[in-house]
């Protein structure tokens, strides 16, 4: 299934990072929500399409977006205002 965000929203796949303390792996319930992700789709707003594109890695607010599942994987629909920065190579 394909999802196309509307207006000034992007579809982001959060980048999960394994957390360890020594040799102990922190369980999912104790982890903080990821704040980085990869853009999977960009909304219909032309200005937004000039700023970010599919494949960009972004930093977004801690509690940003609406969580959805696509093909069993967690994704977020995030408004433009919650994208804080992009990673520059």
N, C-alpha and C. Protein backbone atom coordinates (compact mmCIF):
# COMPACT_ATOMS: atom_id res chain seq x y z
N UNK A 1 0.84 -1.17 0.00
CA UNK A 1 0.00 0.00 0.00
C UNK A 1 0.90 1.24 0.00
N UNK A 2 0.53 2.24 -0.81
CA UNK A 2 1.26 3.50 -0.84
C UNK A 2 0.45 4.56 -0.12
N UNK A 3 1.14 5.42 0.61
CA UNK A 3 0.50 6.51 1.32
C UNK A 3 1.12 7.81 0.82
N UNK A 4 0.28 8.76 0.42
CA UNK A 4 0.74 10.08 -0.04
C UNK A 4 0.21 11.11 0.95
N UNK A 5 1.09 11.73 1.75
CA UNK A 5 0.64 12.75 2.69
C UNK A 5 0.07 13.96 1.95
N UNK A 6 -0.82 14.68 2.59
CA UNK A 6 -1.42 15.86 2.00
C UNK A 6 -0.79 17.13 2.57
N UNK A 7 -0.89 18.20 1.82
CA UNK A 7 -0.47 19.53 2.23
C UNK A 7 0.98 19.55 2.73
N UNK A 8 1.19 20.11 3.91
CA UNK A 8 2.54 20.29 4.46
C UNK A 8 2.91 19.16 5.42
N UNK A 9 2.73 17.94 4.99
CA UNK A 9 3.07 16.78 5.84
C UNK A 9 4.02 15.87 5.09
N UNK A 10 4.80 15.11 5.87
CA UNK A 10 5.69 14.11 5.28
C UNK A 10 5.46 12.78 5.97
N UNK A 11 5.72 11.71 5.26
CA UNK A 11 5.66 10.36 5.81
C UNK A 11 7.09 9.97 6.17
N UNK A 12 7.33 9.66 7.44
CA UNK A 12 8.67 9.38 7.94
C UNK A 12 8.72 7.98 8.53
N UNK A 13 9.77 7.25 8.21
CA UNK A 13 10.01 5.96 8.84
C UNK A 13 11.05 6.20 9.94
N UNK A 14 10.65 6.06 11.21
CA UNK A 14 11.59 6.30 12.30
C UNK A 14 12.78 5.35 12.23
N UNK A 15 13.94 5.86 12.58
CA UNK A 15 15.16 5.04 12.62
C UNK A 15 15.34 4.59 14.06
N UNK A 16 15.11 3.31 14.28
CA UNK A 16 15.25 2.73 15.62
C UNK A 16 16.73 2.44 15.88
N UNK A 17 17.20 2.81 17.06
CA UNK A 17 18.57 2.52 17.44
C UNK A 17 18.56 1.61 18.66
N UNK A 18 19.32 0.55 18.57
CA UNK A 18 19.40 -0.38 19.70
C UNK A 18 20.15 0.29 20.84
N UNK A 19 19.57 0.24 22.02
CA UNK A 19 20.19 0.85 23.18
C UNK A 19 20.72 -0.24 24.11
N UNK A 20 21.95 -0.04 24.55
CA UNK A 20 22.58 -0.98 25.48
C UNK A 20 23.20 -0.21 26.63
N UNK A 21 23.17 -0.82 27.78
CA UNK A 21 23.91 -0.33 28.93
C UNK A 21 24.81 -1.49 29.33
N UNK A 22 26.08 -1.38 28.97
CA UNK A 22 26.99 -2.51 29.17
C UNK A 22 26.54 -3.65 28.28
N UNK A 23 26.22 -4.78 28.86
CA UNK A 23 25.76 -5.92 28.08
C UNK A 23 24.25 -6.11 28.17
N UNK A 24 23.56 -5.15 28.80
CA UNK A 24 22.11 -5.23 28.95
C UNK A 24 21.44 -4.46 27.82
N UNK A 25 20.50 -5.11 27.14
CA UNK A 25 19.73 -4.46 26.09
C UNK A 25 18.48 -3.86 26.72
N UNK A 26 18.25 -2.59 26.45
CA UNK A 26 17.09 -1.89 27.01
C UNK A 26 15.83 -2.33 26.25
N UNK A 27 14.77 -2.78 26.94
CA UNK A 27 13.55 -3.20 26.25
C UNK A 27 12.82 -2.02 25.63
N UNK A 28 11.99 -2.31 24.61
CA UNK A 28 11.25 -1.27 23.89
C UNK A 28 10.42 -0.39 24.82
N UNK A 29 9.84 -0.96 25.85
CA UNK A 29 8.96 -0.19 26.73
C UNK A 29 9.72 0.86 27.53
N UNK A 30 11.02 0.69 27.70
CA UNK A 30 11.81 1.64 28.49
C UNK A 30 12.57 2.64 27.61
N UNK A 31 12.53 2.44 26.30
CA UNK A 31 13.26 3.32 25.39
C UNK A 31 12.49 4.62 25.16
N UNK A 32 13.24 5.66 24.83
CA UNK A 32 12.61 6.90 24.40
C UNK A 32 12.23 6.75 22.93
N UNK A 33 11.24 7.52 22.51
CA UNK A 33 10.83 7.48 21.11
C UNK A 33 11.96 8.01 20.24
N UNK A 34 12.18 7.41 19.07
CA UNK A 34 13.22 7.94 18.17
C UNK A 34 12.84 9.33 17.69
N UNK A 35 13.85 10.16 17.47
CA UNK A 35 13.63 11.51 17.00
C UNK A 35 14.26 11.73 15.63
N UNK A 36 14.74 10.65 15.01
CA UNK A 36 15.30 10.73 13.67
C UNK A 36 14.57 9.75 12.78
N UNK A 37 14.55 10.05 11.50
CA UNK A 37 13.88 9.16 10.56
C UNK A 37 14.23 9.51 9.13
N UNK A 38 13.75 8.66 8.23
CA UNK A 38 13.97 8.85 6.81
C UNK A 38 12.65 9.16 6.14
N UNK A 39 12.64 10.18 5.29
CA UNK A 39 11.42 10.58 4.60
C UNK A 39 11.09 9.55 3.53
N UNK A 40 9.85 9.06 3.58
CA UNK A 40 9.37 8.05 2.63
C UNK A 40 8.51 8.71 1.55
N UNK A 41 7.76 9.75 1.92
CA UNK A 41 6.91 10.47 0.97
C UNK A 41 6.73 11.90 1.44
N UNK A 42 6.57 12.81 0.48
CA UNK A 42 6.41 14.24 0.78
C UNK A 42 5.02 14.67 0.33
N UNK A 43 4.40 15.54 1.11
CA UNK A 43 3.05 16.02 0.81
C UNK A 43 2.96 16.83 -0.47
N UNK A 44 1.80 17.37 -0.72
CA UNK A 44 1.50 18.04 -1.98
C UNK A 44 1.93 19.51 -2.03
N UNK A 45 2.39 20.06 -0.92
CA UNK A 45 2.81 21.46 -0.87
C UNK A 45 4.10 21.67 -1.66
N UNK A 46 4.07 22.56 -2.66
CA UNK A 46 5.23 22.77 -3.53
C UNK A 46 6.44 23.33 -2.79
N UNK A 47 6.22 24.23 -1.83
CA UNK A 47 7.34 24.78 -1.06
C UNK A 47 8.03 23.69 -0.24
N UNK A 48 7.25 22.80 0.35
CA UNK A 48 7.81 21.70 1.13
C UNK A 48 8.64 20.78 0.25
N UNK A 49 8.19 20.53 -0.97
CA UNK A 49 8.91 19.65 -1.89
C UNK A 49 10.27 20.24 -2.29
N UNK A 50 10.43 21.55 -2.18
CA UNK A 50 11.72 22.19 -2.46
C UNK A 50 12.68 22.05 -1.28
N UNK A 51 12.14 21.88 -0.08
CA UNK A 51 12.95 21.84 1.14
C UNK A 51 13.43 20.42 1.44
N UNK A 52 12.54 19.45 1.37
CA UNK A 52 12.90 18.06 1.68
C UNK A 52 12.49 17.15 0.53
N UNK A 53 13.14 16.00 0.44
CA UNK A 53 12.79 15.03 -0.60
C UNK A 53 12.86 13.63 -0.02
N UNK A 54 12.30 12.69 -0.74
CA UNK A 54 12.31 11.29 -0.32
C UNK A 54 13.76 10.84 -0.14
N UNK A 55 14.02 10.17 0.97
CA UNK A 55 15.36 9.67 1.26
C UNK A 55 16.14 10.55 2.22
N UNK A 56 15.69 11.80 2.42
CA UNK A 56 16.37 12.68 3.38
C UNK A 56 16.22 12.13 4.79
N UNK A 57 17.26 12.29 5.59
CA UNK A 57 17.20 11.93 7.00
C UNK A 57 16.90 13.22 7.78
N UNK A 58 15.92 13.14 8.67
CA UNK A 58 15.48 14.33 9.40
C UNK A 58 15.44 14.09 10.90
N UNK A 59 15.44 15.20 11.62
CA UNK A 59 15.21 15.19 13.06
C UNK A 59 13.85 15.85 13.27
N UNK A 60 13.01 15.22 14.07
CA UNK A 60 11.68 15.77 14.33
C UNK A 60 11.44 15.81 15.82
N UNK A 61 10.40 16.53 16.22
CA UNK A 61 10.07 16.68 17.63
C UNK A 61 9.78 15.33 18.30
N UNK A 62 10.06 15.27 19.59
CA UNK A 62 9.94 14.02 20.34
C UNK A 62 8.55 13.39 20.26
N UNK A 63 7.53 14.20 20.33
CA UNK A 63 6.16 13.67 20.31
C UNK A 63 5.43 14.09 19.03
N UNK A 64 6.17 14.23 17.95
CA UNK A 64 5.62 14.71 16.69
C UNK A 64 4.87 13.62 15.93
N UNK A 65 3.88 14.05 15.17
CA UNK A 65 3.24 13.19 14.20
C UNK A 65 2.24 12.20 14.74
N UNK A 66 1.58 11.58 13.78
CA UNK A 66 0.60 10.52 14.04
C UNK A 66 1.19 9.20 13.59
N UNK A 67 1.20 8.23 14.46
CA UNK A 67 1.79 6.93 14.15
C UNK A 67 0.79 6.07 13.36
N UNK A 68 1.30 5.47 12.27
CA UNK A 68 0.50 4.53 11.49
C UNK A 68 1.38 3.32 11.16
N UNK A 69 0.75 2.23 10.78
CA UNK A 69 1.50 1.05 10.35
C UNK A 69 1.22 0.80 8.88
N UNK A 70 2.30 0.60 8.13
CA UNK A 70 2.20 0.27 6.71
C UNK A 70 2.97 -1.02 6.51
N UNK A 71 2.30 -2.05 6.05
CA UNK A 71 2.90 -3.37 5.86
C UNK A 71 3.59 -3.85 7.13
N UNK A 72 2.97 -3.57 8.28
CA UNK A 72 3.49 -4.02 9.55
C UNK A 72 4.64 -3.21 10.12
N UNK A 73 5.04 -2.13 9.43
CA UNK A 73 6.15 -1.30 9.91
C UNK A 73 5.60 0.05 10.39
N UNK A 74 6.21 0.55 11.47
CA UNK A 74 5.79 1.81 12.06
C UNK A 74 6.27 2.99 11.22
N UNK A 75 5.35 3.92 10.94
CA UNK A 75 5.66 5.17 10.23
C UNK A 75 4.97 6.32 10.96
N UNK A 76 5.42 7.53 10.67
CA UNK A 76 4.79 8.72 11.24
C UNK A 76 4.39 9.66 10.12
N UNK A 77 3.23 10.28 10.25
CA UNK A 77 2.86 11.38 9.39
C UNK A 77 3.13 12.64 10.21
N UNK A 78 4.12 13.41 9.75
CA UNK A 78 4.63 14.54 10.53
C UNK A 78 4.35 15.85 9.78
N UNK A 79 3.78 16.85 10.47
CA UNK A 79 3.61 18.15 9.83
C UNK A 79 4.95 18.87 9.66
N UNK A 80 5.00 19.72 8.67
CA UNK A 80 6.23 20.46 8.36
C UNK A 80 6.79 21.18 9.59
N UNK A 81 5.92 21.73 10.42
CA UNK A 81 6.36 22.50 11.59
C UNK A 81 7.08 21.65 12.63
N UNK A 82 6.89 20.32 12.59
CA UNK A 82 7.56 19.44 13.57
C UNK A 82 8.89 18.91 13.07
N UNK A 83 9.27 19.21 11.82
CA UNK A 83 10.59 18.81 11.32
C UNK A 83 11.57 19.89 11.75
N UNK A 84 12.53 19.51 12.57
CA UNK A 84 13.45 20.47 13.15
C UNK A 84 14.70 20.69 12.31
N UNK A 85 15.18 19.64 11.64
CA UNK A 85 16.41 19.75 10.87
C UNK A 85 16.56 18.57 9.92
N UNK A 86 17.43 18.73 8.93
CA UNK A 86 17.79 17.63 8.05
C UNK A 86 19.28 17.37 8.22
N UNK A 87 19.70 16.15 7.99
CA UNK A 87 21.12 15.81 8.04
C UNK A 87 21.76 16.21 6.71
N UNK A 88 22.89 16.89 6.77
CA UNK A 88 23.59 17.34 5.58
C UNK A 88 24.88 16.55 5.47
N UNK A 89 25.11 15.98 4.28
CA UNK A 89 26.34 15.20 4.08
C UNK A 89 27.50 16.09 3.73
